[in-house]
Amino acid sequence: MTGPTPPGPDRSPPAITTFPGRDTTVDSVGVFTIEVIAHDRNEIDTLALLVSGAGFAFPTDTVHDTVADVSYAISLGALRHQPFSFRVAAGDVLGHDTLTDSVNVRLK
């Protein structure tokens, strides 16, 4: 009797889920939080929130784990009804990279 077949080599980039995961409209006061969950069979090496149209950037996180659950807070007061968008990039220790589709955020 033989055991299960071991998995083959990892050829897949990290999987990423964002909340919100689609275009959204929010009030222009307070704090907007983006939650990112990434996982990979091997270790995730880097995770980056890329923000366009907001005039600031977040540093790239170094993860070194198979799962990353990170929240990014954006203070909306300074944006004054200025829409922005975000994407998330992740890379694993084997050099596989993922870049999510853009999520557009409108401020009302």
Protein backbone atom coordinates (compact mmCIF):
# COMPACT_ATOMS: atom_id res chain seq x y z
CA MET A 1 0.00 0.00 0.00
CA THR A 2 1.41 3.39 -0.97
CA GLY A 3 0.75 6.80 0.51
CA PRO A 4 -0.53 9.89 -1.25
CA THR A 5 1.48 11.33 -4.09
CA PRO A 6 3.52 14.31 -2.87
CA PRO A 7 2.69 17.60 -4.54
CA GLY A 8 4.83 18.67 -7.48
CA PRO A 9 6.99 21.75 -7.54
CA ASP A 10 5.28 25.05 -6.76
CA ARG A 11 4.76 27.01 -9.97
CA SER A 12 1.96 29.23 -8.67
CA PRO A 13 2.16 32.81 -7.44
CA PRO A 14 0.61 33.83 -4.12
CA ALA A 15 -3.19 34.06 -4.00
CA ILE A 16 -4.51 37.44 -2.82
CA THR A 17 -7.91 38.49 -1.49
CA THR A 18 -8.73 42.12 -0.70
CA PHE A 19 -11.59 43.65 1.26
CA PRO A 20 -13.10 45.58 -0.39
CA GLY A 21 -12.60 43.42 -3.43
CA ARG A 22 -14.46 45.56 -5.92
CA ASP A 23 -15.10 49.22 -6.65
CA THR A 24 -16.71 51.05 -3.75
CA THR A 25 -17.97 54.45 -2.61
CA VAL A 26 -17.28 55.66 0.94
CA ASP A 27 -17.85 58.78 3.02
CA SER A 28 -14.99 61.28 2.75
CA VAL A 29 -14.43 61.47 6.51
CA GLY A 30 -12.81 59.04 8.89
CA VAL A 31 -10.56 56.13 8.05
CA PHE A 32 -10.87 53.67 5.18
CA THR A 33 -9.37 50.26 5.91
CA ILE A 34 -8.14 47.83 3.27
CA GLU A 35 -7.62 44.26 4.43
CA VAL A 36 -5.33 42.00 2.44
CA ILE A 37 -5.07 38.24 2.87
CA ALA A 38 -2.39 36.46 0.87
CA HIS A 39 -1.30 32.85 0.96
CA ASP A 40 1.17 30.64 -0.83
CA ARG A 41 2.30 27.04 -0.48
CA ASN A 42 5.82 28.35 0.06
CA GLU A 43 6.60 31.49 2.02
CA ILE A 44 5.31 34.86 0.89
CA ASP A 45 8.32 37.13 0.61
CA THR A 46 6.81 40.57 -0.03
CA LEU A 47 3.40 42.21 0.10
CA ALA A 48 2.73 45.74 -1.14
CA LEU A 49 -0.32 47.98 -1.26
CA LEU A 50 -0.05 50.21 -4.33
CA VAL A 51 -2.23 53.33 -4.13
CA SER A 52 -2.82 55.60 -7.15
CA GLY A 53 -4.28 59.10 -7.00
CA ALA A 54 -3.92 59.66 -3.26
CA GLY A 55 -0.47 61.28 -3.11
CA PHE A 56 1.12 58.84 -0.65
CA ALA A 57 2.51 55.31 -0.52
CA PHE A 58 2.80 52.44 1.93
CA PRO A 59 6.12 50.66 2.45
CA THR A 60 6.48 47.09 1.17
CA ASP A 61 5.98 44.50 3.92
CA THR A 62 8.39 41.59 4.27
CA VAL A 63 6.29 38.62 5.37
CA HIS A 64 8.20 35.27 5.38
CA ASP A 65 5.17 33.14 6.19
CA THR A 66 2.71 31.05 4.17
CA VAL A 67 -0.18 33.36 5.13
CA ALA A 68 -0.28 37.14 5.50
CA ASP A 69 -3.25 39.07 6.91
CA VAL A 70 -2.50 42.80 6.82
CA SER A 71 -4.74 45.85 7.28
CA TYR A 72 -3.90 49.25 5.82
CA ALA A 73 -5.63 52.37 7.19
CA ILE A 74 -6.09 55.45 5.00
CA SER A 75 -7.18 58.71 6.61
CA LEU A 76 -9.74 60.21 4.23
CA GLY A 77 -9.92 63.79 5.51
CA ALA A 78 -6.96 65.04 3.48
CA LEU A 79 -8.26 63.52 0.25
CA ARG A 80 -11.30 65.86 0.07
CA HIS A 81 -13.54 63.88 -2.28
CA GLN A 82 -10.55 62.81 -4.39
CA PRO A 83 -11.05 59.31 -5.85
CA PHE A 84 -8.19 56.84 -5.71
CA SER A 85 -7.52 53.23 -6.58
CA PHE A 86 -5.43 50.45 -5.15
CA ARG A 87 -3.80 47.20 -6.21
CA VAL A 88 -1.89 44.63 -4.20
CA ALA A 89 1.35 42.97 -5.26
CA ALA A 90 2.76 39.84 -3.61
CA GLY A 91 5.79 37.72 -4.31
CA ASP A 92 6.86 34.38 -2.90
CA VAL A 93 10.33 33.16 -2.00
CA LEU A 94 10.55 31.27 -5.33
CA GLY A 95 10.13 34.46 -7.37
CA HIS A 96 6.47 34.04 -8.38
CA ASP A 97 4.57 37.37 -8.39
CA THR A 98 0.90 38.36 -8.34
CA LEU A 99 -0.70 41.75 -9.00
CA THR A 100 -4.41 42.19 -8.33
CA ASP A 101 -6.82 44.11 -10.51
CA SER A 102 -7.41 47.74 -9.54
CA VAL A 103 -10.13 48.58 -7.03
CA ASN A 104 -11.52 52.10 -7.45
CA VAL A 105 -12.59 54.06 -4.37
CA ARG A 106 -14.91 57.06 -4.75
CA LEU A 107 -15.39 59.47 -1.89
CA LYS A 108 -18.76 61.15 -1.42
